[in-house]
Amino acid sequence: MINHVIRYGAEVEAARNSGAPIVALESTIISHGLPRPANLRVAQEIEATVRAAGAVPATIGMIAGEIVVGLSGDEIKHLAERDDVVKLSVRDLAPAAAARVDGATTVAATSAIAVRAGIAVFATGGLGGVHRGAATTFDESADLTALSRLPIAIVCAGVKSILDVHATLERLETLGVSVVGYGTRRFPGFYLTDAGFDLDWSADDPAAVAEIIRAAQGHDLHHGALVVANPLPVDEQLDPALHDRVLHEGLEGLEREGITGKDVTPYLLSHFHTATEGKSLDVNVRIILRNADLAARIAAAI
């Protein structure tokens, strides 16, 4: 299905033809992850950051049922401003294409499309993972199973701290997903520099990450992802005490309102934005811009 409906933006098509480095970018951050009007401004800043670091941005989304790798400025604006944009994971791509809808791709869907397009590096904010209470709800992001079978390097600030971080790391291990800390042996927690868990491996520069990617390609032992966990500097993280208080309130709100599944993350992110008076948004923006910069430098180094 993806082969038949995929369309490449002009800048991405030129990069594919010339062999220039390309960085995949998700679109749910535009439609569901950030409030208006910041979402459009930040989407533009992310692409500018990738270009400034020496790579071509490929923001991925769906326009009227057609998957686009390298959304145009007008198409990004379209997804940023409409209320009916559908959040698309991998399982949603075929029904959404048949229904000719506008859609924004999650980490899982973006990764799948990027791999099919031959893009080796993807920048996002934080991964999805195992939700709190998943032992009874079985609520687990499709990001995890996607990462187990897609050969792509994903630069992120760990998994979102609103999730069960320890359980997510256990699942990544079980699924055979490599996790490397960038300049650290501690796993970051999105808003927080340190989520409290050790990592076995680290890399200190883009060339070292590129070497890991080349080694994985050369060994051809499995086809899972490489998670490059890029923490915020301590002085740029959200205040941990504020984070813990707001998270506790948000989790109570989920239970009170009966919110589950793919609506959990948007609800909690929105709650963080409101309860921290915009501080979490500032941190979120710093995260994605730092990850876009690092992803571009890794893509250039491969």
C-alpha atoms as a PDB file:
ATOM      1  CA  MET A   1       0.000   0.000   0.000  1.00  0.00           C
ATOM      2  CA  ILE A   2       2.754   2.436   0.938  1.00  0.00           C
ATOM      3  CA  ASN A   3       4.539   1.852  -2.365  1.00  0.00           C
ATOM      4  CA  HIS A   4       1.465   2.872  -4.345  1.00  0.00           C
ATOM      5  CA  VAL A   5       0.422   6.027  -2.513  1.00  0.00           C
ATOM      6  CA  ILE A   6       3.703   7.571  -1.369  1.00  0.00           C
ATOM      7  CA  ARG A   7       4.676  10.986  -2.734  1.00  0.00           C
ATOM      8  CA  TYR A   8       7.974  12.782  -2.197  1.00  0.00           C
ATOM      9  CA  GLY A   9       8.299  16.518  -1.720  1.00  0.00           C
ATOM     10  CA  ALA A  10      10.556  18.291  -4.196  1.00  0.00           C
ATOM     11  CA  GLU A  11      13.378  18.903  -1.698  1.00  0.00           C
ATOM     12  CA  VAL A  12      13.342  15.291  -0.504  1.00  0.00           C
ATOM     13  CA  GLU A  13      13.188  13.924  -4.066  1.00  0.00           C
ATOM     14  CA  ALA A  14      16.252  15.980  -4.976  1.00  0.00           C
ATOM     15  CA  ALA A  15      18.074  14.714  -1.873  1.00  0.00           C
ATOM     16  CA  ARG A  16      17.220  11.109  -2.723  1.00  0.00           C
ATOM     17  CA  ASN A  17      18.589  11.563  -6.225  1.00  0.00           C
ATOM     18  CA  SER A  18      21.808  13.223  -5.062  1.00  0.00           C
ATOM     19  CA  GLY A  19      22.434  11.060  -2.008  1.00  0.00           C
ATOM     20  CA  ALA A  20      22.212  14.000   0.399  1.00  0.00           C
ATOM     21  CA  PRO A  21      21.482  13.184   4.069  1.00  0.00           C
ATOM     22  CA  ILE A  22      17.799  13.180   5.017  1.00  0.00           C
ATOM     23  CA  VAL A  23      16.128  13.257   8.431  1.00  0.00           C
ATOM     24  CA  ALA A  24      12.573  11.977   8.888  1.00  0.00           C
ATOM     25  CA  LEU A  25      10.252  14.041  11.082  1.00  0.00           C
ATOM     26  CA  GLU A  26       6.853  13.084  12.476  1.00  0.00           C
ATOM     27  CA  SER A  27       3.736  15.201  12.043  1.00  0.00           C
ATOM     28  CA  THR A  28       1.731  14.368  15.179  1.00  0.00           C
ATOM     29  CA  ILE A  29       3.782  16.984  17.007  1.00  0.00           C
ATOM     30  CA  ILE A  30       2.222  19.488  14.592  1.00  0.00           C
ATOM     31  CA  SER A  31      -1.385  18.355  14.838  1.00  0.00           C
ATOM     32  CA  HIS A  32      -1.623  16.811  18.324  1.00  0.00           C
ATOM     33  CA  GLY A  33       1.543  17.504  20.303  1.00  0.00           C
ATOM     34  CA  LEU A  34       1.740  21.287  20.492  1.00  0.00           C
ATOM     35  CA  PRO A  35      -0.895  23.994  20.933  1.00  0.00           C
ATOM     36  CA  ARG A  36      -1.705  26.532  18.250  1.00  0.00           C
ATOM     37  CA  PRO A  37      -0.150  28.743  17.004  1.00  0.00           C
ATOM     38  CA  ALA A  38       3.137  27.441  18.435  1.00  0.00           C
ATOM     39  CA  ASN A  39       2.740  24.169  16.524  1.00  0.00           C
ATOM     40  CA  LEU A  40       3.269  25.756  13.091  1.00  0.00           C
ATOM     41  CA  ARG A  41       6.145  27.959  14.234  1.00  0.00           C
ATOM     42  CA  VAL A  42       7.921  25.041  15.885  1.00  0.00           C
ATOM     43  CA  ALA A  43       7.415  22.787  12.850  1.00  0.00           C
ATOM     44  CA  GLN A  44       9.124  25.407  10.743  1.00  0.00           C
ATOM     45  CA  GLU A  45      11.929  25.785  13.283  1.00  0.00           C
ATOM     46  CA  ILE A  46      12.502  22.013  13.341  1.00  0.00           C
ATOM     47  CA  GLU A  47      12.951  21.905   9.585  1.00  0.00           C
ATOM     48  CA  ALA A  48      15.230  24.960   9.671  1.00  0.00           C
ATOM     49  CA  THR A  49      17.344  23.292  12.366  1.00  0.00           C
ATOM     50  CA  VAL A  50      17.806  20.159  10.248  1.00  0.00           C
ATOM     51  CA  ARG A  51      18.861  22.260   7.256  1.00  0.00           C
ATOM     52  CA  ALA A  52      21.286  24.321   9.333  1.00  0.00           C
ATOM     53  CA  ALA A  53      22.966  21.122  10.554  1.00  0.00           C
ATOM     54  CA  GLY A  54      23.546  19.850   7.016  1.00  0.00           C
ATOM     55  CA  ALA A  55      20.615  17.590   6.173  1.00  0.00           C
ATOM     56  CA  VAL A  56      17.274  17.736   4.385  1.00  0.00           C
ATOM     57  CA  PRO A  57      14.090  17.570   6.523  1.00  0.00           C
ATOM     58  CA  ALA A  58      11.403  15.089   5.486  1.00  0.00           C
ATOM     59  CA  THR A  59       8.286  15.802   7.512  1.00  0.00           C
ATOM     60  CA  ILE A  60       5.931  12.872   6.925  1.00  0.00           C
ATOM     61  CA  GLY A  61       2.146  13.001   6.910  1.00  0.00           C
ATOM     62  CA  MET A  62      -0.984  12.213   4.927  1.00  0.00           C
ATOM     63  CA  ILE A  63      -2.843  14.637   2.677  1.00  0.00           C
ATOM     64  CA  ALA A  64      -6.211  13.501   1.325  1.00  0.00           C
ATOM     65  CA  GLY A  65      -5.221   9.855   1.699  1.00  0.00           C
ATOM     66  CA  GLU A  66      -1.788  10.242   0.124  1.00  0.00           C
ATOM     67  CA  ILE A  67       1.334   9.628   2.201  1.00  0.00           C
ATOM     68  CA  VAL A  68       3.792  12.468   1.715  1.00  0.00           C
ATOM     69  CA  VAL A  69       7.483  12.248   2.581  1.00  0.00           C
ATOM     70  CA  GLY A  70       8.555  15.857   2.700  1.00  0.00           C
ATOM     71  CA  LEU A  71       5.421  17.904   3.312  1.00  0.00           C
ATOM     72  CA  SER A  72       5.486  21.347   1.718  1.00  0.00           C
ATOM     73  CA  GLY A  73       5.169  24.500   3.795  1.00  0.00           C
ATOM     74  CA  ASP A  74       1.525  24.833   2.788  1.00  0.00           C
ATOM     75  CA  GLU A  75       0.828  21.188   3.668  1.00  0.00           C
ATOM     76  CA  ILE A  76       2.428  21.578   7.101  1.00  0.00           C
ATOM     77  CA  LYS A  77       0.301  24.689   7.638  1.00  0.00           C
ATOM     78  CA  HIS A  78      -2.766  22.700   6.574  1.00  0.00           C
ATOM     79  CA  LEU A  79      -2.113  19.980   9.181  1.00  0.00           C
ATOM     80  CA  ALA A  80      -1.304  22.575  11.825  1.00  0.00           C
ATOM     81  CA  GLU A  81      -4.538  24.530  11.448  1.00  0.00           C
ATOM     82  CA  ARG A  82      -7.250  21.918  10.845  1.00  0.00           C
ATOM     83  CA  ASP A  83      -9.317  20.285  13.581  1.00  0.00           C
ATOM     84  CA  ASP A  84     -10.063  17.055  11.700  1.00  0.00           C
ATOM     85  CA  VAL A  85      -6.518  15.738  11.235  1.00  0.00           C
ATOM     86  CA  VAL A  86      -6.429  12.052  12.214  1.00  0.00           C
ATOM     87  CA  LYS A  87      -3.626  10.658  14.372  1.00  0.00           C
ATOM     88  CA  LEU A  88      -2.188   7.767  12.365  1.00  0.00           C
ATOM     89  CA  SER A  89      -0.279   4.783  13.677  1.00  0.00           C
ATOM     90  CA  VAL A  90       0.809   1.970  11.354  1.00  0.00           C
ATOM     91  CA  ARG A  91      -2.512   0.131  11.624  1.00  0.00           C
ATOM     92  CA  ASP A  92      -4.373   3.278  10.541  1.00  0.00           C
ATOM     93  CA  LEU A  93      -2.497   3.972   7.295  1.00  0.00           C
ATOM     94  CA  ALA A  94      -4.547   1.745   4.980  1.00  0.00           C
ATOM     95  CA  PRO A  95      -8.018   2.743   6.290  1.00  0.00           C
ATOM     96  CA  ALA A  96      -6.999   6.407   6.282  1.00  0.00           C
ATOM     97  CA  ALA A  97      -5.706   6.191   2.724  1.00  0.00           C
ATOM     98  CA  ALA A  98      -8.922   4.538   1.575  1.00  0.00           C
ATOM     99  CA  ALA A  99     -10.972   7.219   3.339  1.00  0.00           C
ATOM    100  CA  ARG A 100      -8.847   9.994   1.747  1.00  0.00           C
ATOM    101  CA  VAL A 101      -8.342  11.766   5.071  1.00  0.00           C
ATOM    102  CA  ASP A 102      -5.703  14.190   6.281  1.00  0.00           C
ATOM    103  CA  GLY A 103      -3.499  12.515   8.857  1.00  0.00           C
ATOM    104  CA  ALA A 104      -0.492  13.040  11.084  1.00  0.00           C
ATOM    105  CA  THR A 105       1.898  10.133  11.589  1.00  0.00           C
ATOM    106  CA  THR A 106       3.040   8.839  14.964  1.00  0.00           C
ATOM    107  CA  VAL A 107       6.545   7.582  15.725  1.00  0.00           C
ATOM    108  CA  ALA A 108       5.556   4.073  14.607  1.00  0.00           C
ATOM    109  CA  ALA A 109       3.975   5.175  11.334  1.00  0.00           C
ATOM    110  CA  THR A 110       6.685   7.717  10.573  1.00  0.00           C
ATOM    111  CA  SER A 111       9.364   5.070  11.158  1.00  0.00           C
ATOM    112  CA  ALA A 112       7.647   2.567   8.858  1.00  0.00           C
ATOM    113  CA  ILE A 113       7.274   5.099   6.068  1.00  0.00           C
ATOM    114  CA  ALA A 114      10.806   6.436   6.515  1.00  0.00           C
ATOM    115  CA  VAL A 115      12.302   2.942   6.235  1.00  0.00           C
ATOM    116  CA  ARG A 116      10.287   2.284   3.077  1.00  0.00           C
ATOM    117  CA  ALA A 117      11.608   5.593   1.723  1.00  0.00           C
ATOM    118  CA  GLY A 118      15.201   4.628   2.508  1.00  0.00           C
ATOM    119  CA  ILE A 119      15.687   7.209   5.275  1.00  0.00           C
ATOM    120  CA  ALA A 120      18.043   6.028   8.013  1.00  0.00           C
ATOM    121  CA  VAL A 121      17.584   8.677  10.729  1.00  0.00           C
ATOM    122  CA  PHE A 122      14.473  10.031  12.427  1.00  0.00           C
ATOM    123  CA  ALA A 123      14.196  12.842  14.984  1.00  0.00           C
ATOM    124  CA  THR A 124      11.349  13.036  17.473  1.00  0.00           C
ATOM    125  CA  GLY A 125      10.705  14.366  20.970  1.00  0.00           C
ATOM    126  CA  GLY A 126      10.038  11.306  23.114  1.00  0.00           C
ATOM    127  CA  LEU A 127       9.066   7.739  22.307  1.00  0.00           C
ATOM    128  CA  GLY A 128       5.812   6.108  23.245  1.00  0.00           C
ATOM    129  CA  GLY A 129       6.027   3.124  25.527  1.00  0.00           C
ATOM    130  CA  VAL A 130       4.337   1.137  28.253  1.00  0.00           C
ATOM    131  CA  HIS A 131       1.647   3.145  29.999  1.00  0.00           C
ATOM    132  CA  ARG A 132       1.270   3.159  33.763  1.00  0.00           C
ATOM    133  CA  GLY A 133      -1.085   0.390  34.845  1.00  0.00           C
ATOM    134  CA  ALA A 134      -0.469  -1.586  31.652  1.00  0.00           C
ATOM    135  CA  ALA A 135      -0.428  -4.835  33.626  1.00  0.00           C
ATOM    136  CA  THR A 136      -4.214  -4.557  33.767  1.00  0.00           C
ATOM    137  CA  THR A 137      -5.028  -2.328  30.782  1.00  0.00           C
ATOM    138  CA  PHE A 138      -2.484  -3.774  28.300  1.00  0.00           C
ATOM    139  CA  ASP A 139      -1.990  -0.181  27.155  1.00  0.00           C
ATOM    140  CA  GLU A 140       1.290  -0.110  25.266  1.00  0.00           C
ATOM    141  CA  SER A 141       2.370   2.104  22.392  1.00  0.00           C
ATOM    142  CA  ALA A 142       2.732   0.619  18.916  1.00  0.00           C
ATOM    143  CA  ASP A 143       6.057   2.453  18.825  1.00  0.00           C
ATOM    144  CA  LEU A 144       7.655  -0.462  20.673  1.00  0.00           C
ATOM    145  CA  THR A 145       6.716  -3.250  18.271  1.00  0.00           C
ATOM    146  CA  ALA A 146       7.520  -0.989  15.315  1.00  0.00           C
ATOM    147  CA  LEU A 147      11.004  -0.376  16.687  1.00  0.00           C
ATOM    148  CA  SER A 148      11.559  -4.115  17.027  1.00  0.00           C
ATOM    149  CA  ARG A 149      11.338  -4.630  13.257  1.00  0.00           C
ATOM    150  CA  LEU A 150      12.355  -1.354  11.599  1.00  0.00           C
ATOM    151  CA  PRO A 151      16.048  -0.596  10.886  1.00  0.00           C
ATOM    152  CA  ILE A 152      16.121   3.092  11.694  1.00  0.00           C
ATOM    153  CA  ALA A 153      18.006   5.307  14.137  1.00  0.00           C
ATOM    154  CA  ILE A 154      15.624   7.366  16.268  1.00  0.00           C
ATOM    155  CA  VAL A 155      16.991  10.381  18.109  1.00  0.00           C
ATOM    156  CA  CYS A 156      14.782  11.173  21.099  1.00  0.00           C
ATOM    157  CA  ALA A 157      14.849  12.392  24.688  1.00  0.00           C
ATOM    158  CA  GLY A 158      14.061   8.897  25.942  1.00  0.00           C
ATOM    159  CA  VAL A 159      10.437   8.002  26.528  1.00  0.00           C
ATOM    160  CA  LYS A 160       7.886  10.455  27.786  1.00  0.00           C
ATOM    161  CA  SER A 161       8.084  10.716  31.563  1.00  0.00           C
ATOM    162  CA  ILE A 162       4.301  10.326  31.748  1.00  0.00           C
ATOM    163  CA  LEU A 163       4.823   6.618  30.964  1.00  0.00           C
ATOM    164  CA  ASP A 164       6.154   3.665  32.939  1.00  0.00           C
ATOM    165  CA  VAL A 165       9.814   4.219  32.043  1.00  0.00           C
ATOM    166  CA  HIS A 166      11.173   1.086  33.712  1.00  0.00           C
ATOM    167  CA  ALA A 167       8.618  -1.189  32.031  1.00  0.00           C
ATOM    168  CA  THR A 168       9.330   0.479  28.692  1.00  0.00           C
ATOM    169  CA  LEU A 169      13.051  -0.189  29.002  1.00  0.00           C
ATOM    170  CA  GLU A 170      12.313  -3.812  29.864  1.00  0.00           C
ATOM    171  CA  ARG A 171      10.131  -4.143  26.777  1.00  0.00           C
ATOM    172  CA  LEU A 172      12.791  -2.547  24.559  1.00  0.00           C
ATOM    173  CA  GLU A 173      15.275  -5.108  25.850  1.00  0.00           C
ATOM    174  CA  THR A 174      12.872  -7.984  25.238  1.00  0.00           C
ATOM    175  CA  LEU A 175      12.163  -6.734  21.715  1.00  0.00           C
ATOM    176  CA  GLY A 176      15.857  -6.487  20.887  1.00  0.00           C
ATOM    177  CA  VAL A 177      15.934  -2.718  20.418  1.00  0.00           C
ATOM    178  CA  SER A 178      19.376  -1.183  20.962  1.00  0.00           C
ATOM    179  CA  VAL A 179      19.466   1.865  23.237  1.00  0.00           C
ATOM    180  CA  VAL A 180      22.483   4.174  23.302  1.00  0.00           C
ATOM    181  CA  GLY A 181      22.817   7.237  25.495  1.00  0.00           C
ATOM    182  CA  TYR A 182      24.234  10.290  23.749  1.00  0.00           C
ATOM    183  CA  GLY A 183      26.982  11.518  26.052  1.00  0.00           C
ATOM    184  CA  THR A 184      25.471   9.649  28.984  1.00  0.00           C
ATOM    185  CA  ARG A 185      24.972   6.206  30.523  1.00  0.00           C
ATOM    186  CA  ARG A 186      21.653   7.277  32.092  1.00  0.00           C
ATOM    187  CA  PHE A 187      18.304   7.085  30.348  1.00  0.00           C
ATOM    188  CA  PRO A 188      16.559  10.465  29.973  1.00  0.00           C
ATOM    189  CA  GLY A 189      12.898  10.993  30.805  1.00  0.00           C
ATOM    190  CA  PHE A 190      11.777  13.540  28.206  1.00  0.00           C
ATOM    191  CA  TYR A 191      11.106  16.582  30.411  1.00  0.00           C
ATOM    192  CA  LEU A 192      13.739  15.269  32.847  1.00  0.00           C
ATOM    193  CA  THR A 193      17.445  14.835  32.172  1.00  0.00           C
ATOM    194  CA  ASP A 194      17.621  11.559  34.089  1.00  0.00           C
ATOM    195  CA  ALA A 195      14.746   9.092  34.436  1.00  0.00           C
ATOM    196  CA  GLY A 196      16.658   7.054  36.995  1.00  0.00           C
ATOM    197  CA  PHE A 197      17.890   4.085  34.941  1.00  0.00           C
ATOM    198  CA  ASP A 198      21.325   3.036  33.700  1.00  0.00           C
ATOM    199  CA  LEU A 199      22.230   2.269  30.099  1.00  0.00           C
ATOM    200  CA  ASP A 200      24.825  -0.217  28.898  1.00  0.00           C
ATOM    201  CA  TRP A 201      26.048   1.829  25.955  1.00  0.00           C
ATOM    202  CA  SER A 202      26.816   5.425  25.070  1.00  0.00           C
ATOM    203  CA  ALA A 203      28.219   7.451  22.178  1.00  0.00           C
ATOM    204  CA  ASP A 204      29.888  10.835  22.435  1.00  0.00           C
ATOM    205  CA  ASP A 205      29.596  12.289  18.937  1.00  0.00           C
ATOM    206  CA  PRO A 206      27.633  11.859  15.678  1.00  0.00           C
ATOM    207  CA  ALA A 207      30.469   9.886  14.080  1.00  0.00           C
ATOM    208  CA  ALA A 208      30.287   7.297  16.875  1.00  0.00           C
ATOM    209  CA  VAL A 209      26.544   6.896  16.356  1.00  0.00           C
ATOM    210  CA  ALA A 210      27.078   6.585  12.613  1.00  0.00           C
ATOM    211  CA  GLU A 211      29.610   3.822  13.269  1.00  0.00           C
ATOM    212  CA  ILE A 212      27.028   1.911  15.336  1.00  0.00           C
ATOM    213  CA  ILE A 213      24.538   2.227  12.486  1.00  0.00           C
ATOM    214  CA  ARG A 214      27.075   0.964   9.965  1.00  0.00           C
ATOM    215  CA  ALA A 215      27.948  -1.949  12.253  1.00  0.00           C
ATOM    216  CA  ALA A 216      24.278  -2.922  12.523  1.00  0.00           C
ATOM    217  CA  GLN A 217      23.911  -2.793   8.749  1.00  0.00           C
ATOM    218  CA  GLY A 218      27.083  -4.829   8.260  1.00  0.00           C
ATOM    219  CA  HIS A 219      26.199  -7.541  10.760  1.00  0.00           C
ATOM    220  CA  ASP A 220      22.648  -7.922   9.450  1.00  0.00           C
ATOM    221  CA  LEU A 221      21.760  -9.909  12.581  1.00  0.00           C
ATOM    222  CA  HIS A 222      18.412  -8.234  13.167  1.00  0.00           C
ATOM    223  CA  HIS A 223      16.416  -5.392  11.740  1.00  0.00           C
ATOM    224  CA  GLY A 224      15.405  -3.447  14.813  1.00  0.00           C
ATOM    225  CA  ALA A 225      15.865   0.219  15.564  1.00  0.00           C
ATOM    226  CA  LEU A 226      18.655   2.063  17.307  1.00  0.00           C
ATOM    227  CA  VAL A 227      17.330   4.445  19.963  1.00  0.00           C
ATOM    228  CA  VAL A 228      19.694   7.360  20.496  1.00  0.00           C
ATOM    229  CA  ALA A 229      18.680   8.832  23.857  1.00  0.00           C
ATOM    230  CA  ASN A 230      19.668  12.505  23.889  1.00  0.00           C
ATOM    231  CA  PRO A 231      19.074  14.101  27.320  1.00  0.00           C
ATOM    232  CA  LEU A 232      18.467  17.747  28.008  1.00  0.00           C
ATOM    233  CA  PRO A 233      21.188  19.522  29.979  1.00  0.00           C
ATOM    234  CA  VAL A 234      20.251  19.650  33.658  1.00  0.00           C
ATOM    235  CA  ASP A 235      19.766  23.403  33.585  1.00  0.00           C
ATOM    236  CA  GLU A 236      17.246  23.087  30.714  1.00  0.00           C
ATOM    237  CA  GLN A 237      14.997  20.362  32.147  1.00  0.00           C
ATOM    238  CA  LEU A 238      11.614  20.975  33.754  1.00  0.00           C
ATOM    239  CA  ASP A 239      11.904  21.478  37.503  1.00  0.00           C
ATOM    240  CA  PRO A 240      11.632  17.904  38.868  1.00  0.00           C
ATOM    241  CA  ALA A 241       9.381  18.851  41.791  1.00  0.00           C
ATOM    242  CA  LEU A 242       6.998  20.706  39.478  1.00  0.00           C
ATOM    243  CA  HIS A 243       7.095  17.764  37.056  1.00  0.00           C
ATOM    244  CA  ASP A 244       6.169  15.217  39.715  1.00  0.00           C
ATOM    245  CA  ARG A 245       3.291  17.298  41.080  1.00  0.00           C
ATOM    246  CA  VAL A 246       1.798  17.994  37.657  1.00  0.00           C
ATOM    247  CA  LEU A 247       2.183  14.383  36.565  1.00  0.00           C
ATOM    248  CA  HIS A 248       0.371  13.156  39.693  1.00  0.00           C
ATOM    249  CA  GLU A 249      -2.489  15.566  38.998  1.00  0.00           C
ATOM    250  CA  GLY A 250      -2.629  14.510  35.358  1.00  0.00           C
ATOM    251  CA  LEU A 251      -2.794  10.817  36.195  1.00  0.00           C
ATOM    252  CA  GLU A 252      -5.658  11.502  38.570  1.00  0.00           C
ATOM    253  CA  GLY A 253      -7.425  13.360  35.747  1.00  0.00           C
ATOM    254  CA  LEU A 254      -7.030  10.396  33.392  1.00  0.00           C
ATOM    255  CA  GLU A 255      -8.670   8.082  35.881  1.00  0.00           C
ATOM    256  CA  ARG A 256     -11.405  10.552  36.730  1.00  0.00           C
ATOM    257  CA  GLU A 257     -12.322  11.171  33.083  1.00  0.00           C
ATOM    258  CA  GLY A 258     -11.822   7.581  31.897  1.00  0.00           C
ATOM    259  CA  ILE A 259      -9.277   8.490  29.230  1.00  0.00           C
ATOM    260  CA  THR A 260      -7.341   5.576  27.717  1.00  0.00           C
ATOM    261  CA  GLY A 261      -5.412   4.513  24.623  1.00  0.00           C
ATOM    262  CA  LYS A 262      -4.065   7.006  22.122  1.00  0.00           C
ATOM    263  CA  ASP A 263      -5.865   9.892  23.868  1.00  0.00           C
ATOM    264  CA  VAL A 264      -3.677   9.564  26.991  1.00  0.00           C
ATOM    265  CA  THR A 265      -0.564  11.296  25.695  1.00  0.00           C
ATOM    266  CA  PRO A 266      -2.308  14.348  24.155  1.00  0.00           C
ATOM    267  CA  TYR A 267      -4.333  14.771  27.369  1.00  0.00           C
ATOM    268  CA  LEU A 268      -1.286  14.663  29.618  1.00  0.00           C
ATOM    269  CA  LEU A 269       0.790  16.932  27.387  1.00  0.00           C
ATOM    270  CA  SER A 270      -2.048  19.450  27.344  1.00  0.00           C
ATOM    271  CA  HIS A 271      -2.353  19.192  31.121  1.00  0.00           C
ATOM    272  CA  PHE A 272       1.375  19.783  31.519  1.00  0.00           C
ATOM    273  CA  HIS A 273       1.192  22.856  29.301  1.00  0.00           C
ATOM    274  CA  THR A 274      -1.669  24.349  31.315  1.00  0.00           C
ATOM    275  CA  ALA A 275      -0.479  23.369  34.790  1.00  0.00           C
ATOM    276  CA  THR A 276       3.115  24.534  34.248  1.00  0.00           C
ATOM    277  CA  GLU A 277       1.955  27.793  32.654  1.00  0.00           C
ATOM    278  CA  GLY A 278       3.784  27.004  29.436  1.00  0.00           C
ATOM    279  CA  LYS A 279       7.068  25.876  30.989  1.00  0.00           C
ATOM    280  CA  SER A 280       6.602  22.316  29.690  1.00  0.00           C
ATOM    281  CA  LEU A 281       6.022  23.654  26.180  1.00  0.00           C
ATOM    282  CA  ASP A 282       9.324  25.530  26.326  1.00  0.00           C
ATOM    283  CA  VAL A 283      11.065  22.319  27.410  1.00  0.00           C
ATOM    284  CA  ASN A 284       9.284  20.309  24.718  1.00  0.00           C
ATOM    285  CA  VAL A 285      10.473  22.725  22.040  1.00  0.00           C
ATOM    286  CA  ARG A 286      14.062  22.605  23.299  1.00  0.00           C
ATOM    287  CA  ILE A 287      13.919  18.812  23.190  1.00  0.00           C
ATOM    288  CA  ILE A 288      12.784  18.502  19.583  1.00  0.00           C
ATOM    289  CA  LEU A 289      15.136  21.187  18.296  1.00  0.00           C
ATOM    290  CA  ARG A 290      18.124  19.564  20.009  1.00  0.00           C
ATOM    291  CA  ASN A 291      17.113  16.170  18.631  1.00  0.00           C
ATOM    292  CA  ALA A 292      16.612  17.549  15.116  1.00  0.00           C
ATOM    293  CA  ASP A 293      20.097  19.061  15.215  1.00  0.00           C
ATOM    294  CA  LEU A 294      21.711  15.838  16.429  1.00  0.00           C
ATOM    295  CA  ALA A 295      19.792  13.674  13.943  1.00  0.00           C
ATOM    296  CA  ALA A 296      20.944  15.864  11.068  1.00  0.00           C
ATOM    297  CA  ARG A 297      24.557  15.626  12.181  1.00  0.00           C
ATOM    298  CA  ILE A 298      24.265  11.833  12.474  1.00  0.00           C
ATOM    299  CA  ALA A 299      22.680  11.592   9.009  1.00  0.00           C
ATOM    300  CA  ALA A 300      25.518  13.673   7.593  1.00  0.00           C
ATOM    301  CA  ALA A 301      28.083  11.426   9.308  1.00  0.00           C
ATOM    302  CA  ILE A 302      26.696   8.151   7.925  1.00  0.00           C
END
